[in-house]
Each structure stands twice: as C-alpha cells, then as structure tokens.
Amino acid sequence: MATLDLENISKSFGEAKVLHDIDLAIRDKEFVVFVGPSGCGKSTLLRIIAGLEETTEGKILIGGDDVSSAPPVERGISMVFQSYALYPHLSVYENIAFPLRVQKMSSAELDKRVQKAADILQLTDKLKLKPGQLSGGQRQRVAIGRSIVREPRVFLFDEPLSNLDAALRGDMRVELSQLHRDLDATMVYVTHDQVEAMTMADRIVVLNAGRVEQFGSPMELYHHPATKFVAGFIGQPNMNFMAATITKVDADGISVDLAAGGALTIPVEPGSAQVGDKVEVGIRPEDVTIGDGIGLNVRVLERLGGVTIA
C-alpha cells in the first residue's frame, strides 16, 4: 500500500473556485473519511485523486510519486462508486475478473485473485450467480471485489452505501471496517453521513465550502472541534448553540447569562474572554440535564427506546 499526500490542491470551474488550497497527508494503511454537507467538494476532491478531474493547482503524491499528470490507470488506485456499475449479463466471477481480463492476466493468476477476493467478501458461494440474483449489499461487495483484485496502492470509495437501506448500511459499515483490517490497505472514503465517518475512520477530514475545517481522529473532532462548523456537524443529535453574555471569569471557568434565560458556569480555559463579551455557548445534548437552570420550552419529544431526545 502507500501514503497519499495532497499539496495545495485547488480546483476551479470557470470563475467558480470549488476547492481552496487543500493540504492533507494520509498515512500508509490509514482509513480516512472525507465528510461534509452536499456541495462541499468532497467528491470532487476524490475524483481529483483518482485522476478523473484535473487540478487547477497543486500536486498529488502516492507513495511519494508525483501522479498529478498521470492517467487513472497509472496511479495505482481503484475506485468504488455509489452505483454498483456491474455487468448484468456476467456472473459474479466474471464481474470481479473483468479488470484482470482487460489486463490480459494469465488464467491461473486471475482465478487465484478472484477466489481470494470472494473469500474475503464471503462471496464464494455466489460466484456463478448474476447480479440480478443478489441483494444490494451483495452487489456492493461484488463491486468492492472488482477493486480488490487489482491490488491497488490506494482504495477510493465514493458514497458506496448511500443506495442501501438503513439496516444494511449498518451491516456494511462493519464489513468495510473489517475489510480494511483484513487488507491492511490505505483507504479514502467519501460520505455525507457523519455516523459513517465517526464509526469507520482512523481520521476524518471535515470539508466545508471547499476548505478543510479540521483533520483529526473521530474523538478529537468530537471533544475538541476547531470551529463552530465542526462542532455543529459532528455529533448526533447536533450540538446546541445559545447566545450568552460573560458575567465572570475566574479559576472555575467562565460564567455566562444565557439570552434565553438562565445562567451557567462553564469549566473551560478563559483564554482572551472578558466580562461583558457576547459569546455563543455550545453544549452537547448528553451534557444537558433538564431542570439545571436553563429556560426551555419542549416542542417535540422523540422517543428512540434507549434515549429520548427533547
């Protein structure tokens, strides 16, 4: 496998700049997830890595090799798309083997690679079936198998679970995490679903409007968000934000009066905060206790079984 380095990547479509000076260093055998809202540039960035889009500025290095101008076939990458893109008239075996037949690989080596991929993905008993005879999750595994047999340096996944129902997405998250451990591979995964990002990634890149807001481990982003955007985007349910005025700064933290009513003392480092400053207080839902002095009107109760969201 290989490292993946992006140096000052920018992308413009005409006068519209969609990526702004992206710098990322992805380690060998790391599982990195690009996450962000629709239109933030995550799929465009993935397509640039794959060689399906050209950069306006910047360099891409895979395993230390500059591949910025190299065609996709010479980059040592393999990409799994949102749509399965399987050939309906071919068997599972032939769908997985297709890229190797294009390379004119010997029959013995081709069969060895297909059987190995099928074993990893638990598709051995499905090799004679056609895609139409498979479930959605099985079809996605066939698409992944077609990538595995190429033995790429870097795997790229572009929202591969978005066509699956919620229960199957949960199962496939576990399978992809296990696949990463089995292959010990470098993987870059794009999603808009922050639950997928939090549960699967070694590190997460949070993108917003074509810029990297933060790059770090899931718990680093959750407990130490660098910006308000990251704080509000990571976590389910979302963080609560409330306008407030600082009334006291001391060794116990920062005391505030909330604009909606009530007062709090927050045990944080004061930094440059001063009495009288207008601020926003961010509180995770699990850190709120009903009746702790914050004025609230409950509009909706969502009962989910183990928890209830007010």
Foldseek 3Di string as FASTA:
>chain_A
DWKKWWAQFWADDVPRTQAGGDTDTGGWLFEEEEAEDPSLCPVVVLCQQQQVDATPDTFMAIRNHTCNPPHNVPNLEEECEQDLPFDQVAFLLCRLLVVVVVVVHDPVLSVVLSCVLCVLLVCNVRRGPGPVVDDLLVSSSSSVSSRVSSVGQEYEYENNCPVDDPVSSVVVLVSVLVVSVVSSHHYYYYDHDLVSRLSRGQWYFYGGSNYTQDIGHLVCLDPPNPDPVSQQSHDPPGWDKFKWFWADADCQATKTATPQWFIDGDRDDCVPDDGGDIDIDTGHPVRDDPPPGGDDDDDDWDDDPVDIDD
